[in-house]
Amino acid sequence: MAPAAESRLAIDLTHALVPLKGGAGDDETLFGIIRDAPVVLIGAPTHGTHEFYRARAEITKRLIEDRGFTAVCVEGDWPDAYRVNRYVRGASDDAEAVESLGGSRRFPAWKWRNAEVLDFVAWLREDNDSAAAMRRPEAGFYGLDPYSTYASIETVLAYLDRVDPQAATRARRHYECLQPLEAHPERYGLAAETGAHPICRDDVIAELLAAHRKARYAEMDDARMVSRAENYYRAMLDESVSTWNLRNERMLDTLQRLANQLAVQQRSAKVVVWAHNSHVGLARRRFGDRVVAIGFTTYTGTVTAASRWQAPEERIRIVPARGDSYEYLFHATNVPRFLVPLRLHRPKLAGLPQQARERAIGAVYRPETELHSHYFTARLIDQFDAVYHFDVTRALEPLEPSALWKSGESPESCPAGL
């Protein structure tokens, strides 16, 4: 994009954005957009950024306290999240919030076993304890992935590690091939047709089918996990957008069923969803105008992620955003933190490109292949109702940080106050 266009856009955005000053009034514009929406979708472009998790938790607390929301639904496995749900309702044997997160130890464990989620779970337990006195219902905590996708992957790899280490190594490479596309699944169909991304389907399916056919593999502790994973990836990797979105559709089905059940039990259902930006976009297509979708972006900083599938987490420096991306355009405003209320100011955002690149970082981050692995083309104004931009961000703190994380980029290397 030409420098003149970047400058014009920065001026246009300045008229529409709301600078964040760290005070109680920072979210007033956002809650004016939310109003009485029954579903609020809060996305994030990474699975490992402190500011995104912190802001998501603070928005959710206010939704529960002031707007009567009674369900927090996360992009996580149902069994693990339901253990947290029992704890926050005072119905489990877990004595502390950290114990209730004990099920979330599979890769990427830091996604839920981190300081921000721990603080939120502890807050939710305390808030539920006082909910009756305040004449409002308790709020629950639920996972949207009933098929425990990460658990299935881990089961497959753990068994291959025992019986066929070479197959395990190949399988990890194949899962890495899938991971960048999970960050924005809608682009898979186009990538498959144009050859813009290598098709992982044949390799992954061949690997899983070979494992499933071998007699000795049937002796594993839970052979159904392999069968389920094979079925899941067979459908998901078909060269069409609809089947690639299978996991997203399953999570949306879970969200719909949960909302229906809550509506019966409580006469109304107000649900907040925590997920990656890409899943938020898909959920918006399902629920339409009944939802408010919130996204986050960053220009640079550090992020907690792995360098390869199932590798230990690291604190990795985020490459400054490309000049043809929304993140760069937000950076060009020279405002360190702000909210863009897209729903309120569409006329003022006439200079916003209809399409631009947007960055997505999942469990794996590879700066050396960023354009290929972590960027996709997006229409921001159709994707979200509001976007928060934090120009410089820092890595999320895992509860049990690896040696690589401890020796990585220091949080103090980011400018103070950002």
Protein backbone atom coordinates (compact mmCIF):
# COMPACT_ATOMS: atom_id res chain seq x y z
CA MET A 1 0.00 0.00 0.00
CA ALA A 2 1.39 3.43 -0.91
CA PRO A 3 2.54 5.74 1.94
CA ALA A 4 -0.06 8.33 0.96
CA ALA A 5 -2.85 5.80 1.38
CA GLU A 6 -1.46 4.77 4.76
CA SER A 7 -1.38 8.41 5.91
CA ARG A 8 -4.93 9.08 4.74
CA LEU A 9 -6.21 6.00 6.52
CA ALA A 10 -4.48 6.96 9.75
CA ILE A 11 -6.26 10.32 9.69
CA ASP A 12 -9.62 8.69 8.93
CA LEU A 13 -9.20 6.24 11.80
CA THR A 14 -8.22 8.99 14.22
CA HIS A 15 -11.68 10.48 13.82
CA ALA A 16 -13.33 7.15 14.62
CA LEU A 17 -11.14 5.44 17.22
CA VAL A 18 -11.52 5.68 21.00
CA PRO A 19 -8.14 5.92 22.80
CA LEU A 20 -7.83 3.70 25.87
CA LYS A 21 -6.55 5.57 28.93
CA GLY A 22 -6.72 2.79 31.48
CA GLY A 23 -9.72 4.23 33.31
CA ALA A 24 -13.18 2.97 34.19
CA GLY A 25 -14.69 4.66 31.14
CA ASP A 26 -12.62 2.80 28.55
CA ASP A 27 -15.35 0.26 27.82
CA GLU A 28 -18.38 2.57 27.76
CA THR A 29 -18.41 2.76 23.97
CA LEU A 30 -18.17 -1.03 23.70
CA PHE A 31 -21.07 -1.61 26.09
CA GLY A 32 -23.10 0.93 24.15
CA ILE A 33 -22.64 -1.38 21.16
CA ILE A 34 -23.43 -4.54 23.14
CA ARG A 35 -26.65 -3.14 24.62
CA ASP A 36 -28.99 -6.15 25.13
CA ALA A 37 -27.28 -8.63 22.77
CA PRO A 38 -27.69 -12.19 24.14
CA VAL A 39 -24.39 -13.48 22.70
CA VAL A 40 -21.05 -11.67 22.85
CA LEU A 41 -18.14 -13.21 20.95
CA ILE A 42 -14.68 -12.15 22.12
CA GLY A 43 -11.94 -13.23 19.77
CA ALA A 44 -8.15 -12.98 19.83
CA PRO A 45 -5.56 -13.33 17.05
CA THR A 46 -3.27 -15.46 19.26
CA HIS A 47 -3.50 -18.12 21.96
CA GLY A 48 -0.77 -16.51 24.02
CA THR A 49 -1.08 -12.74 24.60
CA HIS A 50 -1.40 -11.24 28.08
CA GLU A 51 -3.36 -8.13 27.05
CA PHE A 52 -5.98 -10.06 25.09
CA TYR A 53 -6.68 -12.49 27.94
CA ARG A 54 -6.80 -9.69 30.50
CA ALA A 55 -9.17 -7.52 28.47
CA ARG A 56 -11.39 -10.50 27.66
CA ALA A 57 -11.69 -11.36 31.35
CA GLU A 58 -12.50 -7.78 32.37
CA ILE A 59 -15.19 -7.42 29.69
CA THR A 60 -16.69 -10.75 30.79
CA LYS A 61 -16.79 -9.74 34.45
CA ARG A 62 -18.86 -6.69 33.57
CA LEU A 63 -21.16 -8.74 31.33
CA ILE A 64 -21.84 -11.05 34.27
CA GLU A 65 -22.23 -8.35 36.91
CA ASP A 66 -24.11 -5.68 34.93
CA ARG A 67 -25.76 -7.46 32.01
CA GLY A 68 -26.84 -10.78 33.53
CA PHE A 69 -24.67 -13.15 31.48
CA THR A 70 -24.71 -16.67 32.91
CA ALA A 71 -22.37 -18.71 30.69
CA VAL A 72 -18.73 -18.36 29.67
CA CYS A 73 -18.03 -20.66 26.71
CA VAL A 74 -14.43 -21.25 25.69
CA GLU A 75 -12.66 -22.82 22.73
CA GLY A 76 -11.63 -25.81 24.81
CA ASP A 77 -12.48 -29.43 25.57
CA TRP A 78 -15.85 -29.94 27.24
CA PRO A 79 -14.61 -32.32 30.01
CA ASP A 80 -11.78 -30.02 31.10
CA ALA A 81 -13.98 -26.93 31.13
CA TYR A 82 -16.76 -28.74 32.98
CA ARG A 83 -14.35 -29.49 35.81
CA VAL A 84 -13.88 -25.72 36.08
CA ASN A 85 -17.66 -25.28 35.88
CA ARG A 86 -18.16 -27.57 38.89
CA TYR A 87 -15.54 -25.63 40.83
CA VAL A 88 -16.96 -22.15 40.17
CA ARG A 89 -20.38 -23.44 41.28
CA GLY A 90 -18.97 -24.95 44.48
CA ALA A 91 -19.85 -28.49 43.38
CA SER A 92 -16.42 -30.14 43.07
CA ASP A 93 -13.70 -31.62 45.27
CA ASP A 94 -11.16 -29.10 43.96
CA ALA A 95 -10.18 -26.85 46.83
CA GLU A 96 -8.53 -24.12 44.78
CA ALA A 97 -8.97 -22.56 41.35
CA VAL A 98 -5.63 -23.91 40.18
CA GLU A 99 -6.77 -27.47 40.95
CA SER A 100 -9.86 -27.03 38.78
CA LEU A 101 -7.57 -26.31 35.82
CA GLY A 102 -5.83 -29.65 36.32
CA GLY A 103 -7.44 -31.26 33.28
CA SER A 104 -5.96 -28.72 30.88
CA ARG A 105 -2.47 -30.21 30.68
CA ARG A 106 -2.43 -31.29 27.05
CA PHE A 107 -0.74 -29.25 24.33
CA PRO A 108 -1.16 -26.30 24.26
CA ALA A 109 -1.49 -26.34 28.06
CA TRP A 110 -0.73 -22.63 28.44
CA LYS A 111 -3.92 -21.78 26.54
CA TRP A 112 -5.91 -22.33 29.74
CA ARG A 113 -3.27 -22.97 32.40
CA ASN A 114 -2.10 -19.37 32.66
CA ALA A 115 -2.18 -16.55 35.19
CA GLU A 116 -5.07 -14.63 33.59
CA VAL A 117 -7.44 -17.61 33.37
CA LEU A 118 -6.52 -18.62 36.92
CA ASP A 119 -7.42 -15.15 38.21
CA PHE A 120 -10.70 -15.19 36.30
CA VAL A 121 -11.72 -18.63 37.58
CA ALA A 122 -11.00 -17.54 41.15
CA TRP A 123 -13.07 -14.39 40.59
CA LEU A 124 -15.96 -16.36 39.09
CA ARG A 125 -16.08 -18.68 42.12
CA GLU A 126 -16.24 -15.69 44.47
CA ASP A 127 -18.85 -13.96 42.34
CA ASN A 128 -21.05 -17.07 42.23
CA ASP A 129 -20.78 -17.38 46.00
CA SER A 130 -22.38 -13.95 46.31
CA ALA A 131 -24.80 -14.23 43.36
CA ALA A 132 -27.77 -15.42 45.42
CA ALA A 133 -27.49 -12.48 47.79
CA MET A 134 -27.50 -10.17 44.79
CA ARG A 135 -30.56 -11.93 43.33
CA ARG A 136 -28.98 -13.08 40.13
CA PRO A 137 -28.16 -16.55 38.81
CA GLU A 138 -24.72 -18.14 38.95
CA ALA A 139 -22.53 -18.13 35.86
CA GLY A 140 -21.09 -21.35 34.42
CA PHE A 141 -17.93 -22.20 32.49
CA TYR A 142 -18.21 -24.52 29.47
CA GLY A 143 -16.04 -25.94 26.69
CA LEU A 144 -17.33 -25.82 23.12
CA ASP A 145 -15.34 -28.81 21.84
CA PRO A 146 -17.27 -31.94 22.92
CA TYR A 147 -15.04 -34.16 20.77
CA SER A 148 -11.88 -33.18 22.67
CA THR A 149 -9.88 -32.61 19.50
CA TYR A 150 -6.58 -31.87 21.22
CA ALA A 151 -7.01 -34.96 23.39
CA SER A 152 -7.53 -37.09 20.27
CA ILE A 153 -4.39 -35.71 18.64
CA GLU A 154 -2.37 -36.27 21.79
CA THR A 155 -3.63 -39.84 22.10
CA VAL A 156 -2.62 -40.64 18.53
CA LEU A 157 0.85 -39.16 18.94
CA ALA A 158 1.48 -40.71 22.35
CA TYR A 159 0.70 -44.16 21.01
CA LEU A 160 2.83 -43.71 17.91
CA ASP A 161 5.68 -42.58 20.16
CA ARG A 162 5.50 -45.96 21.88
CA VAL A 163 5.09 -48.25 18.88
CA ASP A 164 6.50 -46.39 15.87
CA PRO A 165 8.64 -43.30 16.61
CA GLN A 166 9.24 -42.60 12.92
CA ALA A 167 5.50 -42.51 12.29
CA ALA A 168 5.13 -40.20 15.29
CA THR A 169 7.65 -37.77 13.81
CA ARG A 170 5.83 -37.75 10.47
CA ALA A 171 2.45 -37.30 12.16
CA ARG A 172 3.71 -34.26 14.07
CA ARG A 173 4.85 -32.67 10.81
CA HIS A 174 1.42 -33.32 9.31
CA TYR A 175 -0.39 -31.79 12.26
CA GLU A 176 1.85 -28.74 11.92
CA CYS A 177 0.72 -28.52 8.30
CA LEU A 178 -2.86 -28.31 9.54
CA GLN A 179 -2.28 -25.83 12.34
CA PRO A 180 -1.79 -22.62 10.32
CA LEU A 181 -5.02 -23.28 8.44
CA GLU A 182 -6.95 -23.76 11.68
CA ALA A 183 -6.24 -20.12 12.46
CA HIS A 184 -8.53 -19.17 9.56
CA PRO A 185 -10.28 -22.22 8.09
CA GLU A 186 -12.31 -20.36 5.49
CA ARG A 187 -9.24 -19.90 3.31
CA TYR A 188 -8.54 -23.64 3.02
CA GLY A 189 -10.91 -24.19 0.12
CA LEU A 190 -9.29 -21.44 -1.93
CA ALA A 191 -5.79 -22.56 -0.96
CA ALA A 192 -6.60 -26.11 -2.03
CA GLU A 193 -7.88 -24.98 -5.41
CA THR A 194 -5.05 -22.56 -6.19
CA GLY A 195 -2.14 -24.46 -4.67
CA ALA A 196 -1.36 -21.55 -2.36
CA HIS A 197 -0.98 -23.94 0.56
CA PRO A 198 0.21 -27.57 0.52
CA ILE A 199 -2.64 -30.02 0.93
CA CYS A 200 -2.14 -32.02 4.12
CA ARG A 201 -5.04 -34.39 3.53
CA ASP A 202 -3.33 -37.37 1.87
CA ASP A 203 -0.41 -37.52 4.28
CA VAL A 204 -2.45 -37.19 7.46
CA ILE A 205 -5.15 -39.61 6.40
CA ALA A 206 -2.58 -42.15 5.17
CA GLU A 207 -0.77 -41.91 8.50
CA LEU A 208 -3.89 -42.44 10.57
CA LEU A 209 -5.32 -45.17 8.37
CA ALA A 210 -2.04 -47.05 8.47
CA ALA A 211 -2.04 -46.87 12.24
CA HIS A 212 -5.65 -47.92 12.44
CA ARG A 213 -5.16 -50.94 10.14
CA LYS A 214 -2.18 -52.40 11.95
CA ALA A 215 -3.28 -55.05 14.39
CA ARG A 216 -0.89 -54.02 17.11
CA TYR A 217 -2.29 -50.48 17.08
CA ALA A 218 -5.66 -51.87 18.04
CA GLU A 219 -4.15 -52.82 21.39
CA MET A 220 -3.81 -49.19 22.48
CA ASP A 221 -5.59 -48.07 25.64
CA ASP A 222 -8.38 -46.33 23.75
CA ALA A 223 -8.48 -47.35 20.07
CA ARG A 224 -11.67 -45.39 19.61
CA MET A 225 -9.65 -42.20 19.93
CA VAL A 226 -7.68 -43.07 16.79
CA SER A 227 -10.87 -43.96 14.96
CA ARG A 228 -12.50 -40.72 16.02
CA ALA A 229 -9.45 -38.68 15.03
CA GLU A 230 -9.27 -40.43 11.66
CA ASN A 231 -12.94 -39.71 11.00
CA TYR A 232 -12.57 -36.10 12.09
CA TYR A 233 -9.58 -35.37 9.87
CA ARG A 234 -10.98 -37.34 6.93
CA ALA A 235 -14.00 -35.04 6.87
CA MET A 236 -12.17 -31.89 7.84
CA LEU A 237 -9.53 -32.21 5.16
CA ASP A 238 -11.88 -32.74 2.26
CA GLU A 239 -11.12 -30.00 -0.26
CA SER A 240 -14.19 -27.90 0.51
CA VAL A 241 -14.88 -25.09 2.91
CA SER A 242 -17.91 -26.78 4.49
CA THR A 243 -16.07 -29.90 5.60
CA TRP A 244 -12.96 -28.01 6.65
CA ASN A 245 -15.22 -26.07 9.00
CA LEU A 246 -16.49 -29.28 10.62
CA ARG A 247 -14.93 -28.55 14.00
CA ASN A 248 -16.28 -25.01 13.96
CA GLU A 249 -19.76 -26.26 13.14
CA ARG A 250 -19.58 -28.79 15.97
CA MET A 251 -18.58 -26.09 18.42
CA LEU A 252 -21.38 -23.85 17.19
CA ASP A 253 -23.85 -26.71 17.60
CA THR A 254 -22.68 -27.09 21.20
CA LEU A 255 -23.10 -23.35 21.76
CA GLN A 256 -26.62 -23.45 20.32
CA ARG A 257 -27.67 -26.43 22.46
CA LEU A 258 -26.24 -24.87 25.59
CA ALA A 259 -27.99 -21.55 24.91
CA ASN A 260 -31.28 -23.39 24.37
CA GLN A 261 -30.89 -25.31 27.62
CA LEU A 262 -30.07 -22.17 29.59
CA ALA A 263 -33.08 -20.42 28.06
CA VAL A 264 -35.32 -23.19 29.42
CA GLN A 265 -33.69 -23.21 32.86
CA GLN A 266 -33.35 -19.45 33.32
CA ARG A 267 -36.02 -18.09 30.93
CA SER A 268 -33.26 -16.30 29.02
CA ALA A 269 -29.74 -17.12 27.93
CA LYS A 270 -26.87 -14.66 27.76
CA VAL A 271 -23.60 -16.22 26.67
CA VAL A 272 -20.09 -14.86 26.23
CA VAL A 273 -17.69 -16.85 24.00
CA TRP A 274 -13.90 -16.84 24.20
CA ALA A 275 -12.27 -18.10 21.01
CA HIS A 276 -9.78 -17.33 18.27
CA ASN A 277 -10.73 -14.48 15.92
CA SER A 278 -11.45 -17.02 13.17
CA HIS A 279 -14.03 -18.95 15.20
CA VAL A 280 -15.68 -15.69 16.21
CA GLY A 281 -16.22 -14.86 12.54
CA LEU A 282 -17.83 -18.23 11.88
CA ALA A 283 -20.11 -17.94 14.91
CA ARG A 284 -21.31 -14.58 13.70
CA ARG A 285 -22.49 -16.17 10.46
CA ARG A 286 -24.58 -18.66 12.44
CA PHE A 287 -26.19 -16.25 14.93
CA GLY A 288 -26.40 -13.09 12.80
CA ASP A 289 -27.55 -9.82 14.35
CA ARG A 290 -28.18 -11.43 17.74
CA VAL A 291 -24.46 -11.28 18.50
CA VAL A 292 -21.79 -8.68 19.01
CA ALA A 293 -18.36 -9.77 17.78
CA ILE A 294 -15.23 -8.24 19.30
CA GLY A 295 -11.71 -8.72 17.94
CA PHE A 296 -8.17 -7.81 18.95
CA THR A 297 -5.04 -6.93 16.98
CA THR A 298 -1.41 -6.12 17.75
CA TYR A 299 1.51 -4.74 15.77
CA THR A 300 4.44 -6.34 17.62
CA GLY A 301 5.66 -7.53 21.03
CA THR A 302 6.01 -11.07 22.35
CA VAL A 303 3.69 -14.08 22.36
CA THR A 304 3.57 -17.44 24.10
CA ALA A 305 3.57 -20.16 21.45
CA ALA A 306 5.49 -23.26 20.38
CA SER A 307 7.92 -23.48 17.48
CA ARG A 308 6.41 -26.82 16.42
CA TRP A 309 3.46 -29.03 17.35
CA GLN A 310 3.71 -30.43 20.91
CA ALA A 311 6.99 -28.59 21.55
CA PRO A 312 7.44 -26.64 24.81
CA GLU A 313 6.05 -23.14 24.88
CA GLU A 314 8.39 -20.24 24.20
CA ARG A 315 8.26 -16.48 24.58
CA ILE A 316 8.70 -15.45 20.96
CA ARG A 317 9.18 -11.98 19.48
CA ILE A 318 6.32 -11.03 17.13
CA VAL A 319 7.55 -9.70 13.79
CA PRO A 320 6.27 -6.13 13.18
CA ALA A 321 3.14 -6.34 11.04
CA ARG A 322 3.35 -6.15 7.25
CA GLY A 323 2.64 -2.84 5.55
CA ASP A 324 -0.37 -4.29 3.71
CA SER A 325 -2.11 -5.45 6.90
CA TYR A 326 -4.82 -4.00 9.14
CA GLU A 327 -2.35 -4.25 12.03
CA TYR A 328 0.07 -1.92 10.25
CA LEU A 329 -2.68 0.56 9.45
CA PHE A 330 -3.65 0.67 13.12
CA HIS A 331 0.00 1.09 14.06
CA ALA A 332 0.23 4.07 11.68
CA THR A 333 -2.23 6.04 13.85
CA ASN A 334 0.52 6.39 16.49
CA VAL A 335 -2.06 5.72 19.21
CA PRO A 336 -0.75 2.91 21.44
CA ARG A 337 -4.11 1.48 22.54
CA PHE A 338 -7.57 2.13 21.17
CA LEU A 339 -10.99 0.76 20.31
CA VAL A 340 -12.44 0.98 16.80
CA PRO A 341 -16.27 0.86 17.19
CA LEU A 342 -16.93 -0.46 13.69
CA ARG A 343 -20.69 -0.79 14.16
CA LEU A 344 -21.07 2.84 15.22
CA HIS A 345 -18.74 4.54 12.76
CA ARG A 346 -18.98 2.77 9.44
CA PRO A 347 -19.40 6.08 7.51
CA LYS A 348 -16.24 7.48 9.15
CA LEU A 349 -14.33 4.36 8.12
CA ALA A 350 -14.75 4.87 4.40
CA GLY A 351 -10.99 4.81 4.02
CA LEU A 352 -10.67 1.37 5.62
CA PRO A 353 -9.74 -1.14 2.91
CA GLN A 354 -12.52 -3.55 2.03
CA GLN A 355 -9.89 -6.28 2.21
CA ALA A 356 -6.42 -6.44 3.74
CA ARG A 357 -4.13 -8.96 5.36
CA GLU A 358 -4.79 -9.95 8.96
CA ARG A 359 -2.46 -11.93 11.21
CA ALA A 360 -3.40 -15.09 13.08
CA ILE A 361 -1.11 -16.92 15.51
CA GLY A 362 -2.26 -20.22 16.93
CA ALA A 363 -0.53 -22.74 19.18
CA VAL A 364 2.49 -22.69 16.83
CA TYR A 365 4.23 -19.52 15.70
CA ARG A 366 6.94 -19.48 13.04
CA PRO A 367 8.15 -15.94 12.37
CA GLU A 368 10.42 -17.14 9.56
CA THR A 369 7.38 -18.23 7.49
CA GLU A 370 4.92 -15.60 8.70
CA LEU A 371 3.39 -14.59 5.37
CA HIS A 372 2.69 -18.20 4.42
CA SER A 373 1.76 -19.47 7.89
CA HIS A 374 0.06 -16.62 9.73
CA TYR A 375 -1.58 -14.14 7.36
CA PHE A 376 -4.91 -14.33 5.56
CA THR A 377 -7.11 -11.91 3.65
CA ALA A 378 -9.98 -10.49 5.70
CA ARG A 379 -12.82 -7.97 5.62
CA LEU A 380 -12.53 -6.44 9.07
CA ILE A 381 -15.67 -4.34 8.88
CA ASP A 382 -17.74 -7.49 8.20
CA GLN A 383 -15.81 -9.62 10.69
CA PHE A 384 -16.31 -7.57 13.86
CA ASP A 385 -18.54 -4.96 15.48
CA ALA A 386 -15.60 -3.58 17.46
CA VAL A 387 -11.83 -4.10 17.43
CA TYR A 388 -9.31 -3.39 20.17
CA HIS A 389 -5.77 -2.61 19.04
CA PHE A 390 -2.82 -2.88 21.42
CA ASP A 391 0.22 -1.77 19.44
CA VAL A 392 2.79 -3.59 21.60
CA THR A 393 1.79 -6.68 23.58
CA ARG A 394 3.55 -9.20 25.80
CA ALA A 395 3.48 -12.94 26.18
CA LEU A 396 0.92 -14.68 28.35
CA GLU A 397 2.43 -16.19 31.52
CA PRO A 398 1.96 -19.98 31.79
CA LEU A 399 1.38 -21.47 35.23
CA GLU A 400 4.36 -23.79 34.70
CA PRO A 401 6.58 -21.93 32.21
CA SER A 402 9.12 -24.03 30.36
CA ALA A 403 12.84 -23.33 30.47
CA LEU A 404 12.56 -22.02 26.90
CA TRP A 405 9.84 -19.58 27.96
CA LYS A 406 11.88 -18.34 30.92
CA SER A 407 14.94 -17.75 28.74
CA GLY A 408 13.03 -16.10 25.90
CA GLU A 409 12.18 -12.49 25.19
CA SER A 410 11.83 -10.56 28.44
CA PRO A 411 8.51 -8.82 29.16
CA GLU A 412 10.55 -5.84 30.36
CA SER A 413 11.81 -5.41 26.78
CA CYS A 414 8.38 -4.00 25.87
CA PRO A 415 7.87 -0.27 26.50
CA ALA A 416 6.54 0.54 29.97
CA GLY A 417 2.79 0.85 30.23
CA LEU A 418 2.02 -0.93 26.96
